[in-house]
Structure formats: C-alpha cells, structure tokens
Amino acid sequence: MPAKTNTETIRELEKAAVLVEEKLDGVRREVTRLDTAHAKTADTLAQLVTQVAILTEKVADLKKSQEESDRRRWTLWLAVIGCLLTLAANIVLSFWRK
C-alpha cells in the first residue's frame, strides 16, 4: 500500500476540520440553550425566595394572631369565672343574712 500524498492528507484533515467545526457549532448551540435555561432557573429561584420570605412573614403574623386570640380567650374565661364566683358569693351572703 503506497503512502498517502500530502494532498490526500490535507483533504482528510480538511474533512476532519469540517467535522470538528460542525460538532463545535452543536456544542455552542447547546451552551446557549443551557445558558437560557440557567437564566430561567435563576429567575424562578429568585421568585421562590421572595415567596418563601412572604410566607414566613405571614406565618409569623398568624402565630401572633393566635397568641393574641388565646390571651383574649383566657381573659374572657377569667371574667366569666369571676362573675360566677361573685354571683355565688352574693347568693351565699343573701341566704346568710336571713
């Protein structure tokens, strides 16, 4: 088998260079697609962080509201118990005076 001439070798190298350029173009398109996807992901993540911060504030507000509601409920129950004890004491005193 005779050795390849320089012209044949150059043609093979040119074909290989074309193939490499085509693959490189494909890789560039893929990188561009990934950059776009990354930007969308970053935007979505920023929105999620904002939503989590808002939800955290709302949960804190709900906890405060619940604590305030519990405090008011206990105050109401104490007032009712105080009224009942006063009524009972007045009934006992009215029977005791007679």
C-alpha atoms as a PDB file:
ATOM      1  CA  MET A   1       0.000   0.000   0.000  1.00  0.00           C
ATOM      2  CA  PRO A   2       1.548   3.257  -1.104  1.00  0.00           C
ATOM      3  CA  ALA A   3       1.949   6.112   1.330  1.00  0.00           C
ATOM      4  CA  LYS A   4      -0.581   8.938   1.215  1.00  0.00           C
ATOM      5  CA  THR A   5       0.359  12.012  -0.640  1.00  0.00           C
ATOM      6  CA  ASN A   6       0.352  15.391   1.001  1.00  0.00           C
ATOM      7  CA  THR A   7      -2.762  16.378  -0.963  1.00  0.00           C
ATOM      8  CA  GLU A   8      -4.693  13.368   0.317  1.00  0.00           C
ATOM      9  CA  THR A   9      -3.580  14.040   3.851  1.00  0.00           C
ATOM     10  CA  ILE A  10      -4.625  17.696   3.556  1.00  0.00           C
ATOM     11  CA  ARG A  11      -8.050  16.692   2.210  1.00  0.00           C
ATOM     12  CA  GLU A  12      -8.542  14.271   5.115  1.00  0.00           C
ATOM     13  CA  LEU A  13      -7.500  16.962   7.548  1.00  0.00           C
ATOM     14  CA  GLU A  14      -9.912  19.433   5.914  1.00  0.00           C
ATOM     15  CA  LYS A  15     -12.743  16.881   6.245  1.00  0.00           C
ATOM     16  CA  ALA A  16     -11.800  16.320   9.888  1.00  0.00           C
ATOM     17  CA  ALA A  17     -11.710  20.099  10.471  1.00  0.00           C
ATOM     18  CA  VAL A  18     -15.222  20.452   8.972  1.00  0.00           C
ATOM     19  CA  LEU A  19     -16.497  17.698  11.261  1.00  0.00           C
ATOM     20  CA  VAL A  20     -14.876  19.338  14.278  1.00  0.00           C
ATOM     21  CA  GLU A  21     -16.421  22.709  13.329  1.00  0.00           C
ATOM     22  CA  GLU A  22     -19.880  21.123  12.989  1.00  0.00           C
ATOM     23  CA  LYS A  23     -19.535  19.484  16.388  1.00  0.00           C
ATOM     24  CA  LEU A  24     -18.290  22.759  17.851  1.00  0.00           C
ATOM     25  CA  ASP A  25     -21.339  24.566  16.430  1.00  0.00           C
ATOM     26  CA  GLY A  26     -23.547  21.940  18.079  1.00  0.00           C
ATOM     27  CA  VAL A  27     -21.762  22.422  21.368  1.00  0.00           C
ATOM     28  CA  ARG A  28     -22.169  26.221  21.081  1.00  0.00           C
ATOM     29  CA  ARG A  29     -25.922  25.809  20.469  1.00  0.00           C
ATOM     30  CA  GLU A  30     -26.156  23.533  23.479  1.00  0.00           C
ATOM     31  CA  VAL A  31     -24.248  26.010  25.654  1.00  0.00           C
ATOM     32  CA  THR A  32     -26.599  28.793  24.526  1.00  0.00           C
ATOM     33  CA  ARG A  33     -29.598  26.618  25.372  1.00  0.00           C
ATOM     34  CA  LEU A  34     -28.151  25.812  28.776  1.00  0.00           C
ATOM     35  CA  ASP A  35     -27.443  29.494  29.459  1.00  0.00           C
ATOM     36  CA  THR A  36     -31.067  30.328  28.655  1.00  0.00           C
ATOM     37  CA  ALA A  37     -32.316  27.527  30.890  1.00  0.00           C
ATOM     38  CA  HIS A  38     -29.980  28.650  33.657  1.00  0.00           C
ATOM     39  CA  ALA A  39     -31.301  32.219  33.441  1.00  0.00           C
ATOM     40  CA  LYS A  40     -34.892  30.963  33.676  1.00  0.00           C
ATOM     41  CA  THR A  41     -33.970  28.779  36.633  1.00  0.00           C
ATOM     42  CA  ALA A  42     -32.278  31.698  38.380  1.00  0.00           C
ATOM     43  CA  ASP A  43     -35.371  33.880  37.846  1.00  0.00           C
ATOM     44  CA  THR A  44     -37.647  31.167  39.174  1.00  0.00           C
ATOM     45  CA  LEU A  45     -35.411  30.644  42.187  1.00  0.00           C
ATOM     46  CA  ALA A  46     -35.456  34.378  42.944  1.00  0.00           C
ATOM     47  CA  GLN A  47     -39.259  34.341  42.799  1.00  0.00           C
ATOM     48  CA  LEU A  48     -39.379  31.339  45.115  1.00  0.00           C
ATOM     49  CA  VAL A  49     -37.073  33.035  47.601  1.00  0.00           C
ATOM     50  CA  THR A  50     -39.369  36.061  47.607  1.00  0.00           C
ATOM     51  CA  GLN A  51     -42.439  33.888  48.081  1.00  0.00           C
ATOM     52  CA  VAL A  52     -40.810  31.997  50.940  1.00  0.00           C
ATOM     53  CA  ALA A  53     -39.962  35.292  52.653  1.00  0.00           C
ATOM     54  CA  ILE A  54     -43.567  36.473  52.272  1.00  0.00           C
ATOM     55  CA  LEU A  55     -44.938  33.176  53.562  1.00  0.00           C
ATOM     56  CA  THR A  56     -42.567  33.297  56.530  1.00  0.00           C
ATOM     57  CA  GLU A  57     -43.886  36.745  57.446  1.00  0.00           C
ATOM     58  CA  LYS A  58     -47.477  35.549  57.101  1.00  0.00           C
ATOM     59  CA  VAL A  59     -46.820  32.545  59.333  1.00  0.00           C
ATOM     60  CA  ALA A  60     -45.251  34.825  61.943  1.00  0.00           C
ATOM     61  CA  ASP A  61     -48.305  37.112  61.763  1.00  0.00           C
ATOM     62  CA  LEU A  62     -50.623  34.123  62.136  1.00  0.00           C
ATOM     63  CA  LYS A  63     -48.711  32.953  65.199  1.00  0.00           C
ATOM     64  CA  LYS A  64     -49.003  36.409  66.754  1.00  0.00           C
ATOM     65  CA  SER A  65     -52.726  36.495  65.973  1.00  0.00           C
ATOM     66  CA  GLN A  66     -53.194  33.058  67.508  1.00  0.00           C
ATOM     67  CA  GLU A  67     -51.330  34.066  70.663  1.00  0.00           C
ATOM     68  CA  GLU A  68     -53.413  37.246  70.935  1.00  0.00           C
ATOM     69  CA  SER A  69     -56.601  35.235  70.429  1.00  0.00           C
ATOM     70  CA  ASP A  70     -55.567  32.772  73.144  1.00  0.00           C
ATOM     71  CA  ARG A  71     -54.767  35.623  75.504  1.00  0.00           C
ATOM     72  CA  ARG A  72     -58.168  37.249  74.890  1.00  0.00           C
ATOM     73  CA  ARG A  73     -59.965  33.918  75.322  1.00  0.00           C
ATOM     74  CA  TRP A  74     -58.287  33.365  78.694  1.00  0.00           C
ATOM     75  CA  THR A  75     -59.164  36.910  79.742  1.00  0.00           C
ATOM     76  CA  LEU A  76     -62.810  36.269  78.829  1.00  0.00           C
ATOM     77  CA  TRP A  77     -62.846  32.988  80.758  1.00  0.00           C
ATOM     78  CA  LEU A  78     -61.328  34.673  83.802  1.00  0.00           C
ATOM     79  CA  ALA A  79     -64.012  37.369  83.643  1.00  0.00           C
ATOM     80  CA  VAL A  80     -66.776  34.741  83.383  1.00  0.00           C
ATOM     81  CA  ILE A  81     -65.338  32.766  86.302  1.00  0.00           C
ATOM     82  CA  GLY A  82     -65.052  35.973  88.324  1.00  0.00           C
ATOM     83  CA  CYS A  83     -68.702  36.816  87.599  1.00  0.00           C
ATOM     84  CA  LEU A  84     -69.820  33.312  88.580  1.00  0.00           C
ATOM     85  CA  LEU A  85     -67.825  33.459  91.819  1.00  0.00           C
ATOM     86  CA  THR A  86     -69.303  36.886  92.610  1.00  0.00           C
ATOM     87  CA  LEU A  87     -72.834  35.581  91.912  1.00  0.00           C
ATOM     88  CA  ALA A  88     -72.219  32.564  94.129  1.00  0.00           C
ATOM     89  CA  ALA A  89     -70.813  34.772  96.884  1.00  0.00           C
ATOM     90  CA  ASN A  90     -73.843  37.131  96.670  1.00  0.00           C
ATOM     91  CA  ILE A  91     -76.249  34.177  96.879  1.00  0.00           C
ATOM     92  CA  VAL A  92     -74.411  32.770  99.899  1.00  0.00           C
ATOM     93  CA  LEU A  93     -74.364  36.195 101.589  1.00  0.00           C
ATOM     94  CA  SER A  94     -78.060  36.798 100.903  1.00  0.00           C
ATOM     95  CA  PHE A  95     -79.002  33.438 102.473  1.00  0.00           C
ATOM     96  CA  TRP A  96     -76.602  34.037 105.362  1.00  0.00           C
ATOM     97  CA  ARG A  97     -78.206  37.421 106.216  1.00  0.00           C
ATOM     98  CA  LYS A  98     -81.688  35.940 106.511  1.00  0.00           C
END
